[in-house]
Protein backbone atom coordinates (compact mmCIF):
# COMPACT_ATOMS: atom_id res chain seq x y z
CA UNK A 1 -5.10 -10.85 3.35
CA UNK A 2 -3.43 -7.73 1.23
CA UNK A 3 -4.15 -8.95 -3.07
CA UNK A 4 -1.73 -7.92 -5.48
CA UNK A 5 -2.54 -6.90 -8.24
CA UNK A 6 -1.20 -5.09 -11.82
CA UNK A 7 -1.48 -1.23 -12.64
CA UNK A 8 -4.29 -2.01 -15.11
CA UNK A 9 -6.25 -3.28 -11.61
CA UNK A 10 -4.48 0.18 -9.78
CA UNK A 11 -6.12 2.30 -12.23
CA UNK A 12 -9.13 1.24 -11.29
CA UNK A 13 -8.95 0.74 -8.27
CA UNK A 14 -7.91 5.05 -6.88
CA UNK A 15 -10.67 5.99 -9.33
CA UNK A 16 -13.06 4.34 -7.15
CA UNK A 17 -14.79 5.72 -3.93
CA UNK A 18 -13.28 3.71 -1.38
CA UNK A 19 -10.09 4.51 0.15
CA UNK A 20 -6.84 2.23 -1.43
CA UNK A 21 -3.84 1.69 1.17
CA UNK A 22 -1.22 0.73 -1.81
CA UNK A 23 2.15 -1.67 -0.10
CA UNK A 24 4.54 -0.54 -3.31
CA UNK A 25 7.60 -3.71 -2.17
CA UNK A 26 9.58 -6.84 -4.17
CA UNK A 27 9.88 -9.70 -3.89
CA UNK A 28 13.66 -9.35 -2.31
CA UNK A 29 13.44 -7.05 -0.15
CA UNK A 30 13.79 -7.92 3.60
CA UNK A 31 11.80 -5.42 5.06
CA UNK A 32 8.77 -6.14 2.13
CA UNK A 33 8.40 -9.17 3.73
CA UNK A 34 8.43 -8.46 7.16
CA UNK A 35 5.63 -5.81 6.64
CA UNK A 36 3.91 -7.96 4.86
CA UNK A 37 1.76 -9.43 7.53
CA UNK A 38 1.53 -6.42 9.15
CA UNK A 39 0.30 -5.27 6.31
CA UNK A 40 -2.05 -8.32 6.18
CA UNK A 41 -3.34 -7.40 9.72
CA UNK A 42 -4.06 -3.86 8.84
CA UNK A 43 -6.15 -4.68 5.47
CA UNK A 44 -8.51 -7.03 8.47
CA UNK A 45 -8.26 -4.71 11.06
CA UNK A 46 -9.69 -1.36 8.64
CA UNK A 47 -11.25 -3.98 6.06
CA UNK A 48 -15.02 -1.26 5.78
CA UNK A 49 -12.49 2.15 5.48
CA UNK A 50 -10.42 1.17 2.99
CA UNK A 51 -8.70 -1.62 0.28
CA UNK A 52 -5.40 -3.37 0.47
CA UNK A 53 -3.74 -4.28 -2.75
CA UNK A 54 -0.07 -4.58 -3.26
CA UNK A 55 1.94 -3.49 -5.95
CA UNK A 56 5.42 -5.09 -6.49
CA UNK A 57 7.30 -2.28 -7.73
CA UNK A 58 9.43 -4.02 -10.12
CA UNK A 59 6.75 -5.63 -12.16
CA UNK A 60 5.14 -2.64 -12.47
CA UNK A 61 7.65 -0.10 -13.39
CA UNK A 62 5.36 2.50 -14.78
CA UNK A 63 3.58 3.61 -11.41
CA UNK A 64 6.64 2.46 -9.07
CA UNK A 65 8.41 6.12 -11.78
CA UNK A 66 5.27 7.86 -11.59
CA UNK A 67 5.63 7.73 -7.81
CA UNK A 68 8.47 7.85 -8.00
CA UNK A 69 9.57 5.27 -5.54
CA UNK A 70 13.03 4.76 -4.96
CA UNK A 71 12.80 3.73 -1.16
CA UNK A 72 10.43 0.74 -0.42
CA UNK A 73 7.98 -0.92 1.77
CA UNK A 74 6.35 2.10 1.28
CA UNK A 75 2.50 1.89 1.68
CA UNK A 76 0.22 4.88 -0.04
CA UNK A 77 -2.92 5.72 0.64
CA UNK A 78 -4.79 7.04 -1.95
CA UNK A 79 -8.20 8.58 -1.63
CA UNK A 80 -9.88 10.14 -4.94
CA UNK A 81 -7.50 9.18 -7.35
CA UNK A 82 -4.24 11.49 -5.22
CA UNK A 83 -2.01 9.45 -3.06
CA UNK A 84 -2.91 11.67 0.54
CA UNK A 85 -0.25 9.73 2.89
CA UNK A 86 3.11 7.50 3.05
CA UNK A 87 4.86 6.02 5.93
CA UNK A 88 7.87 4.37 4.20
CA UNK A 89 9.96 1.40 4.95
CA UNK A 90 8.67 -0.75 8.31
CA UNK A 91 6.24 -0.24 10.90
CA UNK A 92 4.96 -1.84 13.86
CA UNK A 93 1.14 -2.99 13.91
CA UNK A 94 1.18 -0.80 16.47
CA UNK A 95 2.73 1.31 14.73
CA UNK A 96 0.52 1.18 11.20
CA UNK A 97 -2.40 0.77 13.24
CA UNK A 98 -1.65 4.30 14.32
CA UNK A 99 -1.54 5.44 10.59
CA UNK A 100 -4.07 4.15 9.11
CA UNK A 101 -6.02 5.40 12.41
CA UNK A 102 -5.03 8.42 11.32
CA UNK A 103 -5.16 8.84 7.44
CA UNK A 104 -8.04 6.70 6.31
């Protein structure tokens, strides 16, 4: 299960040793709702390689602004505190598995 986190927890996580996969979403976003079960599945598949979290862009506007997030759903992989890979929009489980295999 992907944990919904706030800005403070986000800052703490991205400074850690393990890559962080962050799903930026909003409650009203249809494609975000479609992506949620895919991300849950990927969080189980890649649990040993990364921490999976999600951030509501409306509740954490400062983070959304910092990373210039203007479209959602947006999945960003953070390594050593820096964004290292991005995936915009809905992706299927097979596409997500390939994306994470290549980028984690």
